[in-house]
């Protein structure tokens, strides 16, 4: 969610330049956190 807020912040004026690589990195972080979140939920269900 924090990374998603960073992605949304890139839509507002005053964003840092170059904005495209920064946007892609923030979106990559968001998806990475989401992947770990979902996988850990399933991993601990199997472990349980």
ModelCIF file with pLDDT and N, C-alpha, C, O atoms, coordinates in Angstrom:
data_MODEL
#
_entry.id   MODEL 
#
_entity.id                         1 
_entity.type                       polymer 
_entity.pdbx_number_of_molecules   1 
#
_entity_poly.entity_id                      1 
_entity_poly.type                           'polypeptide(L)' 
_entity_poly.nstd_linkage                   no 
_entity_poly.nstd_monomer                   no 
_entity_poly.pdbx_seq_one_letter_code       
;(UNK)(UNK)(UNK)(UNK)(UNK)(UNK)(UNK)(UNK)(UNK)(UNK)(UNK)(UNK)(UNK)(UNK)(UNK)(UNK)
(UNK)(UNK)(UNK)(UNK)(UNK)(UNK)(UNK)(UNK)(UNK)(UNK)(UNK)(UNK)(UNK)(UNK)(UNK)(UNK)
(UNK)(UNK)(UNK)(UNK)(UNK)(UNK)(UNK)(UNK)(UNK)(UNK)(UNK)(UNK)(UNK)(UNK)(UNK)(UNK)
;
_entity_poly.pdbx_seq_one_letter_code_can   XXXXXXXXXXXXXXXXXXXXXXXXXXXXXXXXXXXXXXXXXXXXXXXX 
_entity_poly.pdbx_strand_id                 A 
#
loop_
_entity_poly_seq.entity_id 
_entity_poly_seq.num 
_entity_poly_seq.mon_id 
_entity_poly_seq.hetero 
1 1  UNK n 
1 2  UNK n 
1 3  UNK n 
1 4  UNK n 
1 5  UNK n 
1 6  UNK n 
1 7  UNK n 
1 8  UNK n 
1 9  UNK n 
1 10 UNK n 
1 11 UNK n 
1 12 UNK n 
1 13 UNK n 
1 14 UNK n 
1 15 UNK n 
1 16 UNK n 
1 17 UNK n 
1 18 UNK n 
1 19 UNK n 
1 20 UNK n 
1 21 UNK n 
1 22 UNK n 
1 23 UNK n 
1 24 UNK n 
1 25 UNK n 
1 26 UNK n 
1 27 UNK n 
1 28 UNK n 
1 29 UNK n 
1 30 UNK n 
1 31 UNK n 
1 32 UNK n 
1 33 UNK n 
1 34 UNK n 
1 35 UNK n 
1 36 UNK n 
1 37 UNK n 
1 38 UNK n 
1 39 UNK n 
1 40 UNK n 
1 41 UNK n 
1 42 UNK n 
1 43 UNK n 
1 44 UNK n 
1 45 UNK n 
1 46 UNK n 
1 47 UNK n 
1 48 UNK n 
#
_struct_asym.id          A 
_struct_asym.entity_id   1 
#
loop_
_ma_qa_metric.id 
_ma_qa_metric.mode 
_ma_qa_metric.name 
_ma_qa_metric.software_group_id 
_ma_qa_metric.type 
1 global pLDDT . pLDDT 
2 local  pLDDT . pLDDT 
#
_ma_qa_metric_global.metric_id      1 
_ma_qa_metric_global.metric_value   88.54 
_ma_qa_metric_global.model_id       1 
_ma_qa_metric_global.ordinal_id     1 
#
loop_
_ma_qa_metric_local.label_asym_id 
_ma_qa_metric_local.label_comp_id 
_ma_qa_metric_local.label_seq_id 
_ma_qa_metric_local.metric_id 
_ma_qa_metric_local.metric_value 
_ma_qa_metric_local.model_id 
_ma_qa_metric_local.ordinal_id 
A UNK 1  2 89.00 1 1  
A UNK 2  2 90.00 1 2  
A UNK 3  2 89.00 1 3  
A UNK 4  2 89.00 1 4  
A UNK 5  2 90.00 1 5  
A UNK 6  2 86.00 1 6  
A UNK 7  2 87.00 1 7  
A UNK 8  2 88.00 1 8  
A UNK 9  2 86.00 1 9  
A UNK 10 2 81.00 1 10 
A UNK 11 2 81.00 1 11 
A UNK 12 2 82.00 1 12 
A UNK 13 2 82.00 1 13 
A UNK 14 2 81.00 1 14 
A UNK 15 2 77.00 1 15 
A UNK 16 2 78.00 1 16 
A UNK 17 2 79.00 1 17 
A UNK 18 2 80.00 1 18 
A UNK 19 2 84.00 1 19 
A UNK 20 2 86.00 1 20 
A UNK 21 2 88.00 1 21 
A UNK 22 2 89.00 1 22 
A UNK 23 2 89.00 1 23 
A UNK 24 2 92.00 1 24 
A UNK 25 2 91.00 1 25 
A UNK 26 2 90.00 1 26 
A UNK 27 2 93.00 1 27 
A UNK 28 2 95.00 1 28 
A UNK 29 2 93.00 1 29 
A UNK 30 2 93.00 1 30 
A UNK 31 2 95.00 1 31 
A UNK 32 2 95.00 1 32 
A UNK 33 2 94.00 1 33 
A UNK 34 2 94.00 1 34 
A UNK 35 2 95.00 1 35 
A UNK 36 2 94.00 1 36 
A UNK 37 2 93.00 1 37 
A UNK 38 2 94.00 1 38 
A UNK 39 2 94.00 1 39 
A UNK 40 2 93.00 1 40 
A UNK 41 2 90.00 1 41 
A UNK 42 2 91.00 1 42 
A UNK 43 2 91.00 1 43 
A UNK 44 2 90.00 1 44 
A UNK 45 2 87.00 1 45 
A UNK 46 2 89.00 1 46 
A UNK 47 2 88.00 1 47 
A UNK 48 2 85.00 1 48 
#
loop_
_atom_site.group_PDB 
_atom_site.id 
_atom_site.type_symbol 
_atom_site.label_atom_id 
_atom_site.label_alt_id 
_atom_site.label_comp_id 
_atom_site.label_asym_id 
_atom_site.label_entity_id 
_atom_site.label_seq_id 
_atom_site.pdbx_PDB_ins_code 
_atom_site.Cartn_x 
_atom_site.Cartn_y 
_atom_site.Cartn_z 
_atom_site.occupancy 
_atom_site.B_iso_or_equiv 
_atom_site.pdbx_formal_charge 
_atom_site.auth_seq_id 
_atom_site.auth_comp_id 
_atom_site.auth_asym_id 
_atom_site.auth_atom_id 
_atom_site.pdbx_PDB_model_num 
ATOM 1   N N  . UNK A 1 1  ? 0.826  -1.212  0.000   1.00 89.00 ? 1  UNK A N  1 
ATOM 2   C CA . UNK A 1 1  ? 0.000  0.000   0.000   1.00 89.00 ? 1  UNK A CA 1 
ATOM 3   C C  . UNK A 1 1  ? 0.861  1.264   0.000   1.00 89.00 ? 1  UNK A C  1 
ATOM 4   O O  . UNK A 1 1  ? 0.529  2.236   -0.678  1.00 89.00 ? 1  UNK A O  1 
ATOM 5   N N  . UNK A 1 2  ? 1.951  1.260   0.745   1.00 90.00 ? 2  UNK A N  1 
ATOM 6   C CA . UNK A 1 2  ? 2.855  2.405   0.754   1.00 90.00 ? 2  UNK A CA 1 
ATOM 7   C C  . UNK A 1 2  ? 3.470  2.596   -0.632  1.00 90.00 ? 2  UNK A C  1 
ATOM 8   O O  . UNK A 1 2  ? 3.569  3.717   -1.130  1.00 90.00 ? 2  UNK A O  1 
ATOM 9   N N  . UNK A 1 3  ? 3.883  1.480   -1.250  1.00 89.00 ? 3  UNK A N  1 
ATOM 10  C CA . UNK A 1 3  ? 4.439  1.567   -2.600  1.00 89.00 ? 3  UNK A CA 1 
ATOM 11  C C  . UNK A 1 3  ? 3.376  2.027   -3.597  1.00 89.00 ? 3  UNK A C  1 
ATOM 12  O O  . UNK A 1 3  ? 3.686  2.771   -4.528  1.00 89.00 ? 3  UNK A O  1 
ATOM 13  N N  . UNK A 1 4  ? 2.133  1.596   -3.413  1.00 89.00 ? 4  UNK A N  1 
ATOM 14  C CA . UNK A 1 4  ? 1.045  2.047   -4.292  1.00 89.00 ? 4  UNK A CA 1 
ATOM 15  C C  . UNK A 1 4  ? 0.819  3.545   -4.136  1.00 89.00 ? 4  UNK A C  1 
ATOM 16  O O  . UNK A 1 4  ? 0.537  4.235   -5.116  1.00 89.00 ? 4  UNK A O  1 
ATOM 17  N N  . UNK A 1 5  ? 0.937  4.049   -2.921  1.00 90.00 ? 5  UNK A N  1 
ATOM 18  C CA . UNK A 1 5  ? 0.819  5.495   -2.708  1.00 90.00 ? 5  UNK A CA 1 
ATOM 19  C C  . UNK A 1 5  ? 1.940  6.229   -3.437  1.00 90.00 ? 5  UNK A C  1 
ATOM 20  O O  . UNK A 1 5  ? 1.728  7.321   -3.965  1.00 90.00 ? 5  UNK A O  1 
ATOM 21  N N  . UNK A 1 6  ? 3.127  5.634   -3.469  1.00 86.00 ? 6  UNK A N  1 
ATOM 22  C CA . UNK A 1 6  ? 4.234  6.225   -4.218  1.00 86.00 ? 6  UNK A CA 1 
ATOM 23  C C  . UNK A 1 6  ? 3.968  6.240   -5.709  1.00 86.00 ? 6  UNK A C  1 
ATOM 24  O O  . UNK A 1 6  ? 4.353  7.182   -6.402  1.00 86.00 ? 6  UNK A O  1 
ATOM 25  N N  . UNK A 1 7  ? 3.314  5.203   -6.205  1.00 87.00 ? 7  UNK A N  1 
ATOM 26  C CA . UNK A 1 7  ? 2.957  5.151   -7.628  1.00 87.00 ? 7  UNK A CA 1 
ATOM 27  C C  . UNK A 1 7  ? 1.928  6.229   -7.943  1.00 87.00 ? 7  UNK A C  1 
ATOM 28  O O  . UNK A 1 7  ? 2.055  6.927   -8.949  1.00 87.00 ? 7  UNK A O  1 
ATOM 29  N N  . UNK A 1 8  ? 0.916  6.374   -7.102  1.00 88.00 ? 8  UNK A N  1 
ATOM 30  C CA . UNK A 1 8  ? -0.123 7.387   -7.309  1.00 88.00 ? 8  UNK A CA 1 
ATOM 31  C C  . UNK A 1 8  ? 0.467  8.791   -7.201  1.00 88.00 ? 8  UNK A C  1 
ATOM 32  O O  . UNK A 1 8  ? 0.041  9.698   -7.915  1.00 88.00 ? 8  UNK A O  1 
ATOM 33  N N  . UNK A 1 9  ? 1.444  8.975   -6.313  1.00 86.00 ? 9  UNK A N  1 
ATOM 34  C CA . UNK A 1 9  ? 2.060  10.293  -6.147  1.00 86.00 ? 9  UNK A CA 1 
ATOM 35  C C  . UNK A 1 9  ? 2.748  10.766  -7.417  1.00 86.00 ? 9  UNK A C  1 
ATOM 36  O O  . UNK A 1 9  ? 2.941  11.967  -7.604  1.00 86.00 ? 9  UNK A O  1 
ATOM 37  N N  . UNK A 1 10 ? 3.117  9.850   -8.280  1.00 81.00 ? 10 UNK A N  1 
ATOM 38  C CA . UNK A 1 10 ? 3.779  10.232  -9.527  1.00 81.00 ? 10 UNK A CA 1 
ATOM 39  C C  . UNK A 1 10 ? 2.814  10.929  -10.489 1.00 81.00 ? 10 UNK A C  1 
ATOM 40  O O  . UNK A 1 10 ? 3.258  11.542  -11.461 1.00 81.00 ? 10 UNK A O  1 
ATOM 41  N N  . UNK A 1 11 ? 1.521  10.849  -10.241 1.00 81.00 ? 11 UNK A N  1 
ATOM 42  C CA . UNK A 1 11 ? 0.540  11.499  -11.111 1.00 81.00 ? 11 UNK A CA 1 
ATOM 43  C C  . UNK A 1 11 ? 0.377  12.982  -10.784 1.00 81.00 ? 11 UNK A C  1 
ATOM 44  O O  . UNK A 1 11 ? -0.169 13.736  -11.590 1.00 81.00 ? 11 UNK A O  1 
ATOM 45  N N  . UNK A 1 12 ? 0.842  13.405  -9.621  1.00 82.00 ? 12 UNK A N  1 
ATOM 46  C CA . UNK A 1 12 ? 0.671  14.787  -9.194  1.00 82.00 ? 12 UNK A CA 1 
ATOM 47  C C  . UNK A 1 12 ? 1.795  15.674  -9.726  1.00 82.00 ? 12 UNK A C  1 
ATOM 48  O O  . UNK A 1 12 ? 2.893  15.192  -10.005 1.00 82.00 ? 12 UNK A O  1 
ATOM 49  N N  . UNK A 1 13 ? 1.517  16.964  -9.865  1.00 82.00 ? 13 UNK A N  1 
ATOM 50  C CA . UNK A 1 13 ? 2.565  17.885  -10.318 1.00 82.00 ? 13 UNK A CA 1 
ATOM 51  C C  . UNK A 1 13 ? 3.726  17.918  -9.314  1.00 82.00 ? 13 UNK A C  1 
ATOM 52  O O  . UNK A 1 13 ? 3.547  17.657  -8.124  1.00 82.00 ? 13 UNK A O  1 
ATOM 53  N N  . UNK A 1 14 ? 4.894  18.239  -9.817  1.00 81.00 ? 14 UNK A N  1 
ATOM 54  C CA . UNK A 1 14 ? 6.071  18.325  -8.963  1.00 81.00 ? 14 UNK A CA 1 
ATOM 55  C C  . UNK A 1 14 ? 6.786  17.003  -8.798  1.00 81.00 ? 14 UNK A C  1 
ATOM 56  O O  . UNK A 1 14 ? 7.628  16.857  -7.912  1.00 81.00 ? 14 UNK A O  1 
ATOM 57  N N  . UNK A 1 15 ? 6.463  16.048  -9.633  1.00 77.00 ? 15 UNK A N  1 
ATOM 58  C CA . UNK A 1 15 ? 7.115  14.742  -9.520  1.00 77.00 ? 15 UNK A CA 1 
ATOM 59  C C  . UNK A 1 15 ? 8.585  14.871  -9.929  1.00 77.00 ? 15 UNK A C  1 
ATOM 60  O O  . UNK A 1 15 ? 8.928  15.726  -10.745 1.00 77.00 ? 15 UNK A O  1 
ATOM 61  N N  . UNK A 1 16 ? 9.439  14.038  -9.373  1.00 78.00 ? 16 UNK A N  1 
ATOM 62  C CA . UNK A 1 16 ? 10.863 14.117  -9.689  1.00 78.00 ? 16 UNK A CA 1 
ATOM 63  C C  . UNK A 1 16 ? 11.147 13.673  -11.118 1.00 78.00 ? 16 UNK A C  1 
ATOM 64  O O  . UNK A 1 16 ? 10.421 12.859  -11.687 1.00 78.00 ? 16 UNK A O  1 
ATOM 65  N N  . UNK A 1 17 ? 12.189 14.208  -11.671 1.00 79.00 ? 17 UNK A N  1 
ATOM 66  C CA . UNK A 1 17 ? 12.627 13.829  -13.019 1.00 79.00 ? 17 UNK A CA 1 
ATOM 67  C C  . UNK A 1 17 ? 13.870 12.975  -12.909 1.00 79.00 ? 17 UNK A C  1 
ATOM 68  O O  . UNK A 1 17 ? 14.658 13.225  -11.997 1.00 79.00 ? 17 UNK A O  1 
ATOM 69  N N  . UNK A 1 18 ? 14.107 12.030  -13.718 1.00 80.00 ? 18 UNK A N  1 
ATOM 70  C CA . UNK A 1 18 ? 13.243 11.442  -14.730 1.00 80.00 ? 18 UNK A CA 1 
ATOM 71  C C  . UNK A 1 18 ? 12.162 10.604  -14.058 1.00 80.00 ? 18 UNK A C  1 
ATOM 72  O O  . UNK A 1 18 ? 12.459 9.762   -13.210 1.00 80.00 ? 18 UNK A O  1 
ATOM 73  N N  . UNK A 1 19 ? 10.940 10.829  -14.429 1.00 84.00 ? 19 UNK A N  1 
ATOM 74  C CA . UNK A 1 19 ? 9.827  10.220  -13.712 1.00 84.00 ? 19 UNK A CA 1 
ATOM 75  C C  . UNK A 1 19 ? 9.540  8.786   -14.133 1.00 84.00 ? 19 UNK A C  1 
ATOM 76  O O  . UNK A 1 19 ? 9.065  8.001   -13.312 1.00 84.00 ? 19 UNK A O  1 
ATOM 77  N N  . UNK A 1 20 ? 9.808  8.417   -15.381 1.00 86.00 ? 20 UNK A N  1 
ATOM 78  C CA . UNK A 1 20 ? 9.440  7.074   -15.846 1.00 86.00 ? 20 UNK A CA 1 
ATOM 79  C C  . UNK A 1 20 ? 10.195 5.957   -15.104 1.00 86.00 ? 20 UNK A C  1 
ATOM 80  O O  . UNK A 1 20 ? 9.551  5.025   -14.623 1.00 86.00 ? 20 UNK A O  1 
ATOM 81  N N  . UNK A 1 21 ? 11.529 6.013   -14.990 1.00 88.00 ? 21 UNK A N  1 
ATOM 82  C CA . UNK A 1 21 ? 12.198 4.932   -14.250 1.00 88.00 ? 21 UNK A CA 1 
ATOM 83  C C  . UNK A 1 21 ? 11.771 4.866   -12.785 1.00 88.00 ? 21 UNK A C  1 
ATOM 84  O O  . UNK A 1 21 ? 11.656 3.785   -12.206 1.00 88.00 ? 21 UNK A O  1 
ATOM 85  N N  . UNK A 1 22 ? 11.538 6.034   -12.200 1.00 89.00 ? 22 UNK A N  1 
ATOM 86  C CA . UNK A 1 22 ? 11.099 6.063   -10.805 1.00 89.00 ? 22 UNK A CA 1 
ATOM 87  C C  . UNK A 1 22 ? 9.714  5.439   -10.658 1.00 89.00 ? 22 UNK A C  1 
ATOM 88  O O  . UNK A 1 22 ? 9.467  4.680   -9.721  1.00 89.00 ? 22 UNK A O  1 
ATOM 89  N N  . UNK A 1 23 ? 8.818  5.759   -11.580 1.00 89.00 ? 23 UNK A N  1 
ATOM 90  C CA . UNK A 1 23 ? 7.477  5.169   -11.569 1.00 89.00 ? 23 UNK A CA 1 
ATOM 91  C C  . UNK A 1 23 ? 7.554  3.653   -11.717 1.00 89.00 ? 23 UNK A C  1 
ATOM 92  O O  . UNK A 1 23 ? 6.865  2.921   -11.005 1.00 89.00 ? 23 UNK A O  1 
ATOM 93  N N  . UNK A 1 24 ? 8.385  3.184   -12.633 1.00 92.00 ? 24 UNK A N  1 
ATOM 94  C CA . UNK A 1 24 ? 8.518  1.740   -12.852 1.00 92.00 ? 24 UNK A CA 1 
ATOM 95  C C  . UNK A 1 24 ? 9.100  1.045   -11.625 1.00 92.00 ? 24 UNK A C  1 
ATOM 96  O O  . UNK A 1 24 ? 8.666  -0.048  -11.262 1.00 92.00 ? 24 UNK A O  1 
ATOM 97  N N  . UNK A 1 25 ? 10.083 1.680   -10.987 1.00 91.00 ? 25 UNK A N  1 
ATOM 98  C CA . UNK A 1 25 ? 10.670 1.072   -9.779  1.00 91.00 ? 25 UNK A CA 1 
ATOM 99  C C  . UNK A 1 25 ? 9.652  1.015   -8.641  1.00 91.00 ? 25 UNK A C  1 
ATOM 100 O O  . UNK A 1 25 ? 9.578  0.021   -7.918  1.00 91.00 ? 25 UNK A O  1 
ATOM 101 N N  . UNK A 1 26 ? 8.873  2.079   -8.488  1.00 90.00 ? 26 UNK A N  1 
ATOM 102 C CA . UNK A 1 26 ? 7.853  2.085   -7.426  1.00 90.00 ? 26 UNK A CA 1 
ATOM 103 C C  . UNK A 1 26 ? 6.777  1.032   -7.698  1.00 90.00 ? 26 UNK A C  1 
ATOM 104 O O  . UNK A 1 26 ? 6.322  0.351   -6.779  1.00 90.00 ? 26 UNK A O  1 
ATOM 105 N N  . UNK A 1 27 ? 6.382  0.907   -8.938  1.00 93.00 ? 27 UNK A N  1 
ATOM 106 C CA . UNK A 1 27 ? 5.378  -0.109  -9.284  1.00 93.00 ? 27 UNK A CA 1 
ATOM 107 C C  . UNK A 1 27 ? 5.949  -1.516  -9.080  1.00 93.00 ? 27 UNK A C  1 
ATOM 108 O O  . UNK A 1 27 ? 5.241  -2.416  -8.630  1.00 93.00 ? 27 UNK A O  1 
ATOM 109 N N  . UNK A 1 28 ? 7.233  -1.704  -9.414  1.00 95.00 ? 28 UNK A N  1 
ATOM 110 C CA . UNK A 1 28 ? 7.873  -3.002  -9.192  1.00 95.00 ? 28 UNK A CA 1 
ATOM 111 C C  . UNK A 1 28 ? 7.909  -3.336  -7.702  1.00 95.00 ? 28 UNK A C  1 
ATOM 112 O O  . UNK A 1 28 ? 7.659  -4.476  -7.312  1.00 95.00 ? 28 UNK A O  1 
ATOM 113 N N  . UNK A 1 29 ? 8.218  -2.346  -6.873  1.00 93.00 ? 29 UNK A N  1 
ATOM 114 C CA . UNK A 1 29 ? 8.223  -2.567  -5.420  1.00 93.00 ? 29 UNK A CA 1 
ATOM 115 C C  . UNK A 1 29 ? 6.832  -2.928  -4.916  1.00 93.00 ? 29 UNK A C  1 
ATOM 116 O O  . UNK A 1 29 ? 6.680  -3.799  -4.060  1.00 93.00 ? 29 UNK A O  1 
ATOM 117 N N  . UNK A 1 30 ? 5.816  -2.251  -5.453  1.00 93.00 ? 30 UNK A N  1 
ATOM 118 C CA . UNK A 1 30 ? 4.445  -2.539  -5.042  1.00 93.00 ? 30 UNK A CA 1 
ATOM 119 C C  . UNK A 1 30 ? 4.075  -3.990  -5.356  1.00 93.00 ? 30 UNK A C  1 
ATOM 120 O O  . UNK A 1 30 ? 3.524  -4.696  -4.511  1.00 93.00 ? 30 UNK A O  1 
ATOM 121 N N  . UNK A 1 31 ? 4.385  -4.426  -6.581  1.00 95.00 ? 31 UNK A N  1 
ATOM 122 C CA . UNK A 1 31 ? 4.056  -5.801  -6.958  1.00 95.00 ? 31 UNK A CA 1 
ATOM 123 C C  . UNK A 1 31 ? 4.891  -6.816  -6.185  1.00 95.00 ? 31 UNK A C  1 
ATOM 124 O O  . UNK A 1 31 ? 4.401  -7.900  -5.866  1.00 95.00 ? 31 UNK A O  1 
ATOM 125 N N  . UNK A 1 32 ? 6.131  -6.486  -5.882  1.00 95.00 ? 32 UNK A N  1 
ATOM 126 C CA . UNK A 1 32 ? 6.968  -7.405  -5.101  1.00 95.00 ? 32 UNK A CA 1 
ATOM 127 C C  . UNK A 1 32 ? 6.410  -7.579  -3.691  1.00 95.00 ? 32 UNK A C  1 
ATOM 128 O O  . UNK A 1 32 ? 6.327  -8.701  -3.192  1.00 95.00 ? 32 UNK A O  1 
ATOM 129 N N  . UNK A 1 33 ? 6.026  -6.471  -3.043  1.00 94.00 ? 33 UNK A N  1 
ATOM 130 C CA . UNK A 1 33 ? 5.423  -6.569  -1.717  1.00 94.00 ? 33 UNK A CA 1 
ATOM 131 C C  . UNK A 1 33 ? 4.122  -7.359  -1.759  1.00 94.00 ? 33 UNK A C  1 
ATOM 132 O O  . UNK A 1 33 ? 3.848  -8.153  -0.860  1.00 94.00 ? 33 UNK A O  1 
ATOM 133 N N  . UNK A 1 34 ? 3.328  -7.147  -2.789  1.00 94.00 ? 34 UNK A N  1 
ATOM 134 C CA . UNK A 1 34 ? 2.064  -7.884  -2.917  1.00 94.00 ? 34 UNK A CA 1 
ATOM 135 C C  . UNK A 1 34 ? 2.319  -9.375  -3.102  1.00 94.00 ? 34 UNK A C  1 
ATOM 136 O O  . UNK A 1 34 ? 1.609  -10.198 -2.526  1.00 94.00 ? 34 UNK A O  1 
ATOM 137 N N  . UNK A 1 35 ? 3.321  -9.730  -3.895  1.00 95.00 ? 35 UNK A N  1 
ATOM 138 C CA . UNK A 1 35 ? 3.649  -11.144 -4.108  1.00 95.00 ? 35 UNK A CA 1 
ATOM 139 C C  . UNK A 1 35 ? 4.076  -11.803 -2.806  1.00 95.00 ? 35 UNK A C  1 
ATOM 140 O O  . UNK A 1 35 ? 3.644  -12.914 -2.497  1.00 95.00 ? 35 UNK A O  1 
ATOM 141 N N  . UNK A 1 36 ? 4.921  -11.125 -2.048  1.00 94.00 ? 36 UNK A N  1 
ATOM 142 C CA . UNK A 1 36 ? 5.379  -11.687 -0.770  1.00 94.00 ? 36 UNK A CA 1 
ATOM 143 C C  . UNK A 1 36 ? 4.216  -11.799 0.211   1.00 94.00 ? 36 UNK A C  1 
ATOM 144 O O  . UNK A 1 36 ? 4.139  -12.760 0.977   1.00 94.00 ? 36 UNK A O  1 
ATOM 145 N N  . UNK A 1 37 ? 3.320  -10.827 0.192   1.00 93.00 ? 37 UNK A N  1 
ATOM 146 C CA . UNK A 1 37 ? 2.174  -10.860 1.090   1.00 93.00 ? 37 UNK A CA 1 
ATOM 147 C C  . UNK A 1 37 ? 1.276  -12.067 0.820   1.00 93.00 ? 37 UNK A C  1 
ATOM 148 O O  . UNK A 1 37 ? 0.911  -12.792 1.745   1.00 93.00 ? 37 UNK A O  1 
ATOM 149 N N  . UNK A 1 38 ? 0.929  -12.276 -0.429  1.00 94.00 ? 38 UNK A N  1 
ATOM 150 C CA . UNK A 1 38 ? 0.046  -13.391 -0.782  1.00 94.00 ? 38 UNK A CA 1 
ATOM 151 C C  . UNK A 1 38 ? 0.761  -14.732 -0.552  1.00 94.00 ? 38 UNK A C  1 
ATOM 152 O O  . UNK A 1 38 ? 0.169  -15.668 -0.015  1.00 94.00 ? 38 UNK A O  1 
ATOM 153 N N  . UNK A 1 39 ? 2.026  -14.819 -0.957  1.00 94.00 ? 39 UNK A N  1 
ATOM 154 C CA . UNK A 1 39 ? 2.748  -16.077 -0.791  1.00 94.00 ? 39 UNK A CA 1 
ATOM 155 C C  . UNK A 1 39 ? 2.920  -16.430 0.683   1.00 94.00 ? 39 UNK A C  1 
ATOM 156 O O  . UNK A 1 39 ? 2.764  -17.592 1.059   1.00 94.00 ? 39 UNK A O  1 
ATOM 157 N N  . UNK A 1 40 ? 3.238  -15.446 1.522   1.00 93.00 ? 40 UNK A N  1 
ATOM 158 C CA . UNK A 1 40 ? 3.424  -15.749 2.940   1.00 93.00 ? 40 UNK A CA 1 
ATOM 159 C C  . UNK A 1 40 ? 2.121  -16.192 3.587   1.00 93.00 ? 40 UNK A C  1 
ATOM 160 O O  . UNK A 1 40 ? 2.132  -17.024 4.495   1.00 93.00 ? 40 UNK A O  1 
ATOM 161 N N  . UNK A 1 41 ? 1.007  -15.651 3.133   1.00 90.00 ? 41 UNK A N  1 
ATOM 162 C CA . UNK A 1 41 ? -0.292 -16.085 3.648   1.00 90.00 ? 41 UNK A CA 1 
ATOM 163 C C  . UNK A 1 41 ? -0.502 -17.572 3.353   1.00 90.00 ? 41 UNK A C  1 
ATOM 164 O O  . UNK A 1 41 ? -0.907 -18.330 4.235   1.00 90.00 ? 41 UNK A O  1 
ATOM 165 N N  . UNK A 1 42 ? -0.229 -17.984 2.119   1.00 91.00 ? 42 UNK A N  1 
ATOM 166 C CA . UNK A 1 42 ? -0.373 -19.392 1.749   1.00 91.00 ? 42 UNK A CA 1 
ATOM 167 C C  . UNK A 1 42 ? 0.678  -20.280 2.394   1.00 91.00 ? 42 UNK A C  1 
ATOM 168 O O  . UNK A 1 42 ? 0.374  -21.400 2.806   1.00 91.00 ? 42 UNK A O  1 
ATOM 169 N N  . UNK A 1 43 ? 1.912  -19.794 2.488   1.00 91.00 ? 43 UNK A N  1 
ATOM 170 C CA . UNK A 1 43 ? 2.991  -20.573 3.098   1.00 91.00 ? 43 UNK A CA 1 
ATOM 171 C C  . UNK A 1 43 ? 2.668  -20.923 4.535   1.00 91.00 ? 43 UNK A C  1 
ATOM 172 O O  . UNK A 1 43 ? 2.830  -22.070 4.951   1.00 91.00 ? 43 UNK A O  1 
ATOM 173 N N  . UNK A 1 44 ? 2.211  -19.941 5.297   1.00 90.00 ? 44 UNK A N  1 
ATOM 174 C CA . UNK A 1 44 ? 1.900  -20.214 6.693   1.00 90.00 ? 44 UNK A CA 1 
ATOM 175 C C  . UNK A 1 44 ? 0.632  -21.046 6.845   1.00 90.00 ? 44 UNK A C  1 
ATOM 176 O O  . UNK A 1 44 ? 0.472  -21.720 7.863   1.00 90.00 ? 44 UNK A O  1 
ATOM 177 N N  . UNK A 1 45 ? -0.270 -21.025 5.873   1.00 87.00 ? 45 UNK A N  1 
ATOM 178 C CA . UNK A 1 45 ? -1.430 -21.924 5.906   1.00 87.00 ? 45 UNK A CA 1 
ATOM 179 C C  . UNK A 1 45 ? -0.976 -23.367 5.714   1.00 87.00 ? 45 UNK A C  1 
ATOM 180 O O  . UNK A 1 45 ? -1.467 -24.262 6.402   1.00 87.00 ? 45 UNK A O  1 
ATOM 181 N N  . UNK A 1 46 ? -0.048 -23.607 4.790   1.00 89.00 ? 46 UNK A N  1 
ATOM 182 C CA . UNK A 1 46 ? 0.490  -24.957 4.598   1.00 89.00 ? 46 UNK A CA 1 
ATOM 183 C C  . UNK A 1 46 ? 1.272  -25.393 5.840   1.00 89.00 ? 46 UNK A C  1 
ATOM 184 O O  . UNK A 1 46 ? 1.123  -26.524 6.303   1.00 89.00 ? 46 UNK A O  1 
ATOM 185 N N  . UNK A 1 47 ? 2.102  -24.500 6.374   1.00 88.00 ? 47 UNK A N  1 
ATOM 186 C CA . UNK A 1 47 ? 2.863  -24.822 7.584   1.00 88.00 ? 47 UNK A CA 1 
ATOM 187 C C  . UNK A 1 47 ? 1.947  -25.140 8.755   1.00 88.00 ? 47 UNK A C  1 
ATOM 188 O O  . UNK A 1 47 ? 2.227  -26.053 9.532   1.00 88.00 ? 47 UNK A O  1 
ATOM 189 N N  . UNK A 1 48 ? 0.856  -24.397 8.886   1.00 85.00 ? 48 UNK A N  1 
ATOM 190 C CA . UNK A 1 48 ? -0.092 -24.652 9.961   1.00 85.00 ? 48 UNK A CA 1 
ATOM 191 C C  . UNK A 1 48 ? -0.717 -26.038 9.825   1.00 85.00 ? 48 UNK A C  1 
ATOM 192 O O  . UNK A 1 48 ? -1.545 -26.426 10.649  1.00 85.00 ? 48 UNK A O  1 
#
